[in-house]
Each structure stands twice: as structure tokens, then as C-alpha cells.
Amino acid sequence: MKFVAVLLIVAAIVAVAMAVPHHKEGHVGTSCEYDCSKPGSAVCATNGTCRKNFPSECELEKYNCVNHPEKQFEQEDDKKCSDKSVPLCAA
């Protein structure tokens, strides 16, 4: 009987853990609130039209959430970002 009770408790804990939204580091809450205070490596990203440099991956995610939910910037590798055929985005 104790085994069944323990099993039910474990199942409940797992169910709750699966229901809680998991966000990448820096994301706080359910809206576009990000804590990007931790230093990170600069990243380059493109939206298919132009490329943009961000101070960190967290800043990229925040920018996408706040400014461009319909046309997301995606991180690119450094070689692809140095390709001058994709222009820098206007400020």
C-alpha cells in the first residue's frame, strides 16, 4: 500500500514538472520579460532579409519576442554572418 502511495506522489510530481513551462536561461515569466544581465557571447542572426549582431543569445531571444514575433531572427554561424551578400539590418 505504501508503494502505491509513493508511486502516486512521484507521478503527481512528474505531472506538475511537465506542466510548468520551461524557458531558456534569461527568460522570466510568461511574457517577453528577460533577464539578460549575465554576460554572454555575441551572436549574429538573420531573418532571411538582413543580419544583425546581438550581445548575447538572451538578447536575441528578447529582441525576437518584443520586436519581431512574426519574422524571427535565427542565430547563424560566424562564417555565414561574415558573408557580405546578406546586408546588415538598418538600425
C-alpha atoms as a PDB file:
ATOM      1  CA  MET A   1       0.000   0.000   0.000  1.00  0.00           C
ATOM      2  CA  LYS A   2       2.840   2.380   0.848  1.00  0.00           C
ATOM      3  CA  PHE A   3       4.436   1.578  -2.518  1.00  0.00           C
ATOM      4  CA  VAL A   4       1.261   2.636  -4.358  1.00  0.00           C
ATOM      5  CA  ALA A   5       1.086   5.878  -2.367  1.00  0.00           C
ATOM      6  CA  VAL A   6       4.719   6.687  -3.143  1.00  0.00           C
ATOM      7  CA  LEU A   7       4.166   5.856  -6.795  1.00  0.00           C
ATOM      8  CA  LEU A   8       1.167   8.205  -6.953  1.00  0.00           C
ATOM      9  CA  ILE A   9       3.148  11.011  -5.315  1.00  0.00           C
ATOM     10  CA  VAL A  10       6.027  10.558  -7.766  1.00  0.00           C
ATOM     11  CA  ALA A  11       3.567  10.528 -10.690  1.00  0.00           C
ATOM     12  CA  ALA A  12       1.989  13.766  -9.414  1.00  0.00           C
ATOM     13  CA  ILE A  13       5.391  15.458  -9.085  1.00  0.00           C
ATOM     14  CA  VAL A  14       6.342  14.429 -12.617  1.00  0.00           C
ATOM     15  CA  ALA A  15       2.998  15.672 -13.973  1.00  0.00           C
ATOM     16  CA  VAL A  16       3.471  19.065 -12.320  1.00  0.00           C
ATOM     17  CA  ALA A  17       7.044  19.338 -13.581  1.00  0.00           C
ATOM     18  CA  MET A  18       5.898  18.579 -17.123  1.00  0.00           C
ATOM     19  CA  ALA A  19       3.132  21.202 -16.919  1.00  0.00           C
ATOM     20  CA  VAL A  20       5.423  24.052 -15.846  1.00  0.00           C
ATOM     21  CA  PRO A  21       6.739  25.929 -18.898  1.00  0.00           C
ATOM     22  CA  HIS A  22      10.488  25.608 -19.348  1.00  0.00           C
ATOM     23  CA  HIS A  23      12.312  28.635 -20.714  1.00  0.00           C
ATOM     24  CA  LYS A  24      15.862  29.142 -21.778  1.00  0.00           C
ATOM     25  CA  GLU A  25      18.226  30.928 -19.446  1.00  0.00           C
ATOM     26  CA  GLY A  26      17.323  34.575 -19.097  1.00  0.00           C
ATOM     27  CA  HIS A  27      13.581  34.180 -19.688  1.00  0.00           C
ATOM     28  CA  VAL A  28      11.460  35.261 -16.747  1.00  0.00           C
ATOM     29  CA  GLY A  29       7.713  34.719 -16.540  1.00  0.00           C
ATOM     30  CA  THR A  30       5.346  34.147 -19.414  1.00  0.00           C
ATOM     31  CA  SER A  31       5.682  37.366 -21.423  1.00  0.00           C
ATOM     32  CA  CYS A  32       8.686  38.984 -23.062  1.00  0.00           C
ATOM     33  CA  GLU A  33      10.473  39.536 -19.758  1.00  0.00           C
ATOM     34  CA  TYR A  34      14.134  38.531 -19.991  1.00  0.00           C
ATOM     35  CA  ASP A  35      16.971  38.931 -17.534  1.00  0.00           C
ATOM     36  CA  CYS A  36      19.966  39.255 -19.832  1.00  0.00           C
ATOM     37  CA  SER A  37      22.276  40.623 -17.150  1.00  0.00           C
ATOM     38  CA  LYS A  38      24.653  37.635 -17.328  1.00  0.00           C
ATOM     39  CA  PRO A  39      27.402  38.247 -19.861  1.00  0.00           C
ATOM     40  CA  GLY A  40      27.240  36.031 -22.899  1.00  0.00           C
ATOM     41  CA  SER A  41      28.979  35.534 -26.201  1.00  0.00           C
ATOM     42  CA  ALA A  42      27.979  37.828 -29.030  1.00  0.00           C
ATOM     43  CA  VAL A  43      25.825  36.203 -31.694  1.00  0.00           C
ATOM     44  CA  CYS A  44      24.961  37.041 -35.245  1.00  0.00           C
ATOM     45  CA  ALA A  45      21.479  36.318 -36.569  1.00  0.00           C
ATOM     46  CA  THR A  46      19.481  36.699 -39.754  1.00  0.00           C
ATOM     47  CA  ASN A  47      15.802  36.928 -40.588  1.00  0.00           C
ATOM     48  CA  GLY A  48      16.343  35.957 -44.209  1.00  0.00           C
ATOM     49  CA  THR A  49      16.438  39.594 -45.340  1.00  0.00           C
ATOM     50  CA  CYS A  50      19.256  41.087 -43.296  1.00  0.00           C
ATOM     51  CA  ARG A  51      21.665  40.190 -40.498  1.00  0.00           C
ATOM     52  CA  LYS A  52      22.047  41.701 -37.041  1.00  0.00           C
ATOM     53  CA  ASN A  53      24.573  41.335 -34.221  1.00  0.00           C
ATOM     54  CA  PHE A  54      23.391  40.793 -30.643  1.00  0.00           C
ATOM     55  CA  PRO A  55      25.427  40.987 -27.399  1.00  0.00           C
ATOM     56  CA  SER A  56      24.175  37.518 -26.373  1.00  0.00           C
ATOM     57  CA  GLU A  57      21.731  34.760 -27.268  1.00  0.00           C
ATOM     58  CA  CYS A  58      19.468  36.047 -24.486  1.00  0.00           C
ATOM     59  CA  GLU A  59      19.348  39.489 -26.156  1.00  0.00           C
ATOM     60  CA  LEU A  60      18.480  37.811 -29.474  1.00  0.00           C
ATOM     61  CA  GLU A  61      15.567  35.938 -27.887  1.00  0.00           C
ATOM     62  CA  LYS A  62      14.365  39.097 -26.148  1.00  0.00           C
ATOM     63  CA  TYR A  63      14.543  41.065 -29.402  1.00  0.00           C
ATOM     64  CA  ASN A  64      12.547  38.389 -31.237  1.00  0.00           C
ATOM     65  CA  CYS A  65       9.899  38.298 -28.542  1.00  0.00           C
ATOM     66  CA  VAL A  66       9.472  42.059 -28.203  1.00  0.00           C
ATOM     67  CA  ASN A  67      10.076  43.346 -31.733  1.00  0.00           C
ATOM     68  CA  HIS A  68       9.632  40.673 -34.328  1.00  0.00           C
ATOM     69  CA  PRO A  69       7.357  37.803 -33.320  1.00  0.00           C
ATOM     70  CA  GLU A  70       6.284  37.310 -36.949  1.00  0.00           C
ATOM     71  CA  LYS A  71       9.738  37.338 -38.592  1.00  0.00           C
ATOM     72  CA  GLN A  72      12.198  35.775 -36.161  1.00  0.00           C
ATOM     73  CA  PHE A  73      15.938  36.258 -36.305  1.00  0.00           C
ATOM     74  CA  GLU A  74      17.817  32.962 -36.146  1.00  0.00           C
ATOM     75  CA  GLN A  75      21.395  32.580 -34.977  1.00  0.00           C
ATOM     76  CA  GLU A  76      23.923  31.933 -37.723  1.00  0.00           C
ATOM     77  CA  ASP A  77      27.494  30.748 -37.542  1.00  0.00           C
ATOM     78  CA  ASP A  78      30.251  33.346 -37.813  1.00  0.00           C
ATOM     79  CA  LYS A  79      31.261  32.318 -41.339  1.00  0.00           C
ATOM     80  CA  LYS A  80      27.752  32.769 -42.705  1.00  0.00           C
ATOM     81  CA  CYS A  81      27.373  36.086 -40.890  1.00  0.00           C
ATOM     82  CA  SER A  82      30.538  37.475 -42.418  1.00  0.00           C
ATOM     83  CA  ASP A  83      29.008  36.868 -45.865  1.00  0.00           C
ATOM     84  CA  LYS A  84      28.503  40.364 -47.274  1.00  0.00           C
ATOM     85  CA  SER A  85      25.743  39.159 -49.628  1.00  0.00           C
ATOM     86  CA  VAL A  86      23.325  39.398 -46.678  1.00  0.00           C
ATOM     87  CA  PRO A  87      23.248  43.084 -45.704  1.00  0.00           C
ATOM     88  CA  LEU A  88      23.269  44.387 -42.143  1.00  0.00           C
ATOM     89  CA  CYS A  89      19.831  45.428 -40.920  1.00  0.00           C
ATOM     90  CA  ALA A  90      19.140  49.146 -40.716  1.00  0.00           C
ATOM     91  CA  ALA A  91      19.220  50.441 -37.160  1.00  0.00           C
END
